[in-house]
Amino acid sequence: KNNENFEVMIYTGLKDCDGKEIYEGDIVLCRSIFFTEFAGEVKFKDGCFIAVNEMSGDCFRLSELAIVKVDGNIHEDLSKLNDIRRCDEGGIRNDNN
């Protein structure tokens, strides 16, 4: 069986407010320590999981966020991903972060 079409999703060890497991690559709705609400992509960076929205500049450790709710993932919901990731001049999402 060929496994080239599968991508491993890393579990963060955290669950959202509904008890759903949060994985790297999920798009989450959150409230920051400054009470701002934003959608962000879960990434593993510098030894911790973060939620980042490149368009708004929001970037927080998951441990610093409240009301985290999974709202899709980068593999299934490109319209939401395009709302939170910067694009280069050709309109291609920057997947190198």
Protein backbone atom coordinates (compact mmCIF):
# COMPACT_ATOMS: atom_id res chain seq x y z
CA LYS A 1 0.00 0.00 0.00
CA ASN A 2 1.36 3.42 -0.97
CA ASN A 3 1.40 5.97 1.88
CA GLU A 4 2.76 8.93 -0.10
CA ASN A 5 -0.62 10.69 -0.06
CA PHE A 6 -0.83 10.82 3.73
CA GLU A 7 0.43 13.59 5.95
CA VAL A 8 1.03 13.05 9.66
CA MET A 9 -0.85 15.49 11.88
CA ILE A 10 0.80 16.12 15.24
CA TYR A 11 -1.51 16.13 18.27
CA THR A 12 -0.91 19.11 20.58
CA GLY A 13 -2.06 17.28 23.71
CA LEU A 14 -4.86 19.85 24.06
CA LYS A 15 -8.60 19.75 23.43
CA ASP A 16 -10.92 22.57 22.45
CA CYS A 17 -13.91 23.77 24.45
CA ASP A 18 -16.03 20.96 22.97
CA GLY A 19 -13.50 18.24 23.83
CA LYS A 20 -12.20 17.92 20.25
CA GLU A 21 -8.47 17.17 19.96
CA ILE A 22 -6.35 20.03 18.55
CA TYR A 23 -3.73 19.14 15.94
CA GLU A 24 -1.00 21.05 14.17
CA GLY A 25 -2.61 22.43 11.02
CA ASP A 26 -6.01 23.02 12.62
CA ILE A 27 -7.69 26.38 12.24
CA VAL A 28 -8.87 27.51 15.65
CA LEU A 29 -11.06 30.32 16.96
CA CYS A 30 -9.49 31.86 20.07
CA ARG A 31 -9.50 34.69 22.56
CA SER A 32 -6.09 36.09 23.50
CA ILE A 33 -4.88 37.27 26.89
CA PHE A 34 -5.79 40.77 25.65
CA PHE A 35 -9.41 39.64 25.06
CA THR A 36 -9.10 39.97 21.29
CA GLU A 37 -10.77 37.21 19.30
CA PHE A 38 -9.16 35.81 16.17
CA ALA A 39 -8.86 32.77 13.94
CA GLY A 40 -5.43 31.21 13.75
CA GLU A 41 -3.52 28.28 12.32
CA VAL A 42 -1.95 25.88 14.83
CA LYS A 43 1.79 25.53 14.21
CA PHE A 44 4.71 24.04 16.13
CA LYS A 45 7.45 26.65 16.44
CA ASP A 46 10.38 27.14 18.82
CA GLY A 47 9.38 24.16 20.97
CA CYS A 48 5.71 25.03 21.50
CA PHE A 49 2.37 25.07 19.74
CA ILE A 50 1.11 28.48 18.66
CA ALA A 51 -1.96 29.90 16.95
CA VAL A 52 -0.95 32.43 14.32
CA ASN A 53 -2.91 34.70 12.01
CA GLU A 54 -0.43 36.23 9.57
CA MET A 55 -3.01 38.67 8.19
CA SER A 56 -3.81 40.29 11.55
CA GLY A 57 -0.42 39.73 13.17
CA ASP A 58 -1.90 37.73 16.06
CA CYS A 59 0.44 35.04 17.37
CA PHE A 60 0.09 33.38 20.78
CA ARG A 61 1.07 30.14 22.47
CA LEU A 62 -1.93 27.85 22.74
CA SER A 63 -1.38 27.80 26.51
CA GLU A 64 -2.03 31.57 26.58
CA LEU A 65 -5.40 31.38 24.84
CA ALA A 66 -8.96 30.93 26.01
CA ILE A 67 -12.07 29.67 24.25
CA VAL A 68 -10.12 27.70 21.67
CA LYS A 69 -12.48 25.99 19.23
CA VAL A 70 -11.42 23.94 16.20
CA ASP A 71 -12.95 25.50 13.07
CA GLY A 72 -11.39 23.37 10.32
CA ASN A 73 -7.90 22.46 9.19
CA ILE A 74 -5.41 23.41 6.50
CA HIS A 75 -6.06 20.24 4.52
CA GLU A 76 -9.82 20.67 4.17
CA ASP A 77 -10.63 24.37 4.38
CA LEU A 78 -8.52 26.49 2.01
CA SER A 79 -10.94 29.44 2.07
CA LYS A 80 -10.39 29.92 5.80
CA LEU A 81 -6.65 29.36 5.38
CA ASN A 82 -6.44 32.12 2.78
CA ASP A 83 -8.05 34.49 5.29
CA ILE A 84 -5.26 33.96 7.84
CA ARG A 85 -2.13 33.38 5.70
CA ARG A 86 -0.26 35.99 3.72
CA CYS A 87 0.13 35.39 0.01
CA ASP A 88 3.13 36.18 -2.13
CA GLU A 89 2.80 38.30 -5.28
CA GLY A 90 1.59 35.33 -7.32
CA GLY A 91 -1.31 34.71 -4.95
CA ILE A 92 0.21 31.47 -3.67
CA ARG A 93 -0.09 30.77 0.04
CA ASN A 94 3.23 30.95 1.88
CA ASP A 95 3.63 27.48 3.39
CA ASN A 96 7.20 28.02 4.59
CA ASN A 97 6.46 29.38 8.08
